[in-house]
Amino acid sequence: MKFNLKNEIIPLLLLALAWMLGIYFYAHFPARVVTHWGIDGTPNGFMGKTWGAFLLPLMATGIKRRLEQQGIHCRKPVFRPLH
C-alpha cells in the first residue's frame, strides 16, 4: 500500500502534537517524574525528566515507523450501519 497523505494526516498530526507537548512540558517537569503509585496512593516508581517528557512520543513514533516498514498504513475507517 502506498503512502497517502490524506489518510496519514491525522496520525502525523497526533505525533507532532505529542512531540510538541513533550517539548513544552519538559521545562515544567521536576527532575524526577512519578510513573507509578502504590495501592495506598504513594508514589513508588520514578523516571528522569527527559524520559518522562519524551517516552510516549518516542514509542508512538517507533510503533508508527515499524508498522510502515511492515507495509501497514493508516486508512480511512469504514463505517457500516448496523442491521
Protein backbone atom coordinates (compact mmCIF):
# COMPACT_ATOMS: atom_id res chain seq x y z
CA MET A 1 0.00 0.00 0.00
CA LYS A 2 1.37 3.39 -0.99
CA PHE A 3 1.76 6.32 1.36
CA ASN A 4 -1.30 8.57 1.12
CA LEU A 5 -1.06 11.91 2.92
CA LYS A 6 -4.85 12.19 3.04
CA ASN A 7 -5.04 9.04 5.17
CA GLU A 8 -1.89 9.76 7.18
CA ILE A 9 -2.61 13.36 8.18
CA ILE A 10 -4.36 12.56 11.49
CA PRO A 11 -1.67 10.17 12.78
CA LEU A 12 1.05 12.62 11.73
CA LEU A 13 -0.72 15.49 13.47
CA LEU A 14 -1.12 13.40 16.63
CA LEU A 15 2.58 12.52 16.60
CA ALA A 16 3.51 16.18 16.09
CA LEU A 17 1.21 17.16 18.97
CA ALA A 18 2.78 14.56 21.26
CA TRP A 19 6.29 15.85 20.48
CA MET A 20 5.24 19.49 20.91
CA LEU A 21 3.63 18.74 24.29
CA GLY A 22 6.77 16.91 25.40
CA ILE A 23 8.93 19.86 24.40
CA TYR A 24 6.60 22.35 26.09
CA PHE A 25 6.21 20.46 29.37
CA TYR A 26 9.87 19.46 29.62
CA ALA A 27 10.71 22.81 31.19
CA HIS A 28 7.91 22.38 33.76
CA PHE A 29 8.75 18.83 34.86
CA PRO A 30 10.66 18.15 38.08
CA ALA A 31 13.98 16.30 37.88
CA ARG A 32 12.18 13.01 38.71
CA VAL A 33 8.74 12.26 37.30
CA VAL A 34 6.36 9.89 39.11
CA THR A 35 5.36 6.96 36.89
CA HIS A 36 3.68 4.58 39.32
CA TRP A 37 1.67 4.80 42.51
CA GLY A 38 1.12 2.08 45.09
CA ILE A 39 -2.27 0.82 46.17
CA ASP A 40 -2.20 3.32 49.03
CA GLY A 41 -1.59 6.23 46.64
CA THR A 42 2.06 6.82 47.48
CA PRO A 43 4.49 7.20 44.57
CA ASN A 44 6.78 4.19 44.18
CA GLY A 45 8.04 4.47 40.59
CA PHE A 46 10.04 7.29 39.07
CA MET A 47 11.90 8.18 35.89
CA GLY A 48 14.07 11.05 34.79
CA LYS A 49 12.71 14.28 33.38
CA THR A 50 13.79 13.53 29.80
CA TRP A 51 12.19 10.07 29.73
CA GLY A 52 9.06 11.43 31.39
CA ALA A 53 8.60 14.05 28.70
CA PHE A 54 9.60 12.06 25.62
CA LEU A 55 8.95 8.36 26.25
CA LEU A 56 5.39 8.35 24.88
CA PRO A 57 6.17 10.37 21.71
CA LEU A 58 9.26 8.22 21.11
CA MET A 59 7.31 4.97 21.48
CA ALA A 60 4.44 6.23 19.28
CA THR A 61 6.88 7.28 16.55
CA GLY A 62 8.66 3.94 16.74
CA ILE A 63 5.43 1.97 16.51
CA LYS A 64 4.23 4.01 13.53
CA ARG A 65 7.55 3.55 11.71
CA ARG A 66 7.60 -0.18 12.41
CA LEU A 67 4.06 -0.59 11.09
CA GLU A 68 5.04 1.30 7.95
CA GLN A 69 8.06 -0.99 7.50
CA GLN A 70 5.67 -3.93 7.64
CA GLY A 71 3.51 -2.33 4.96
CA ILE A 72 0.69 -1.44 7.34
CA HIS A 73 -0.50 2.12 6.76
CA CYS A 74 -3.40 4.07 8.18
CA ARG A 75 -6.54 4.01 6.14
CA LYS A 76 -9.91 5.59 6.36
CA PRO A 77 -12.23 3.75 8.70
CA VAL A 78 -15.22 2.11 7.08
CA PHE A 79 -18.48 2.69 8.90
CA ARG A 80 -21.28 0.28 8.14
CA PRO A 81 -24.75 0.69 9.57
CA LEU A 82 -25.89 -2.00 11.96
CA HIS A 83 -28.75 -4.15 10.70
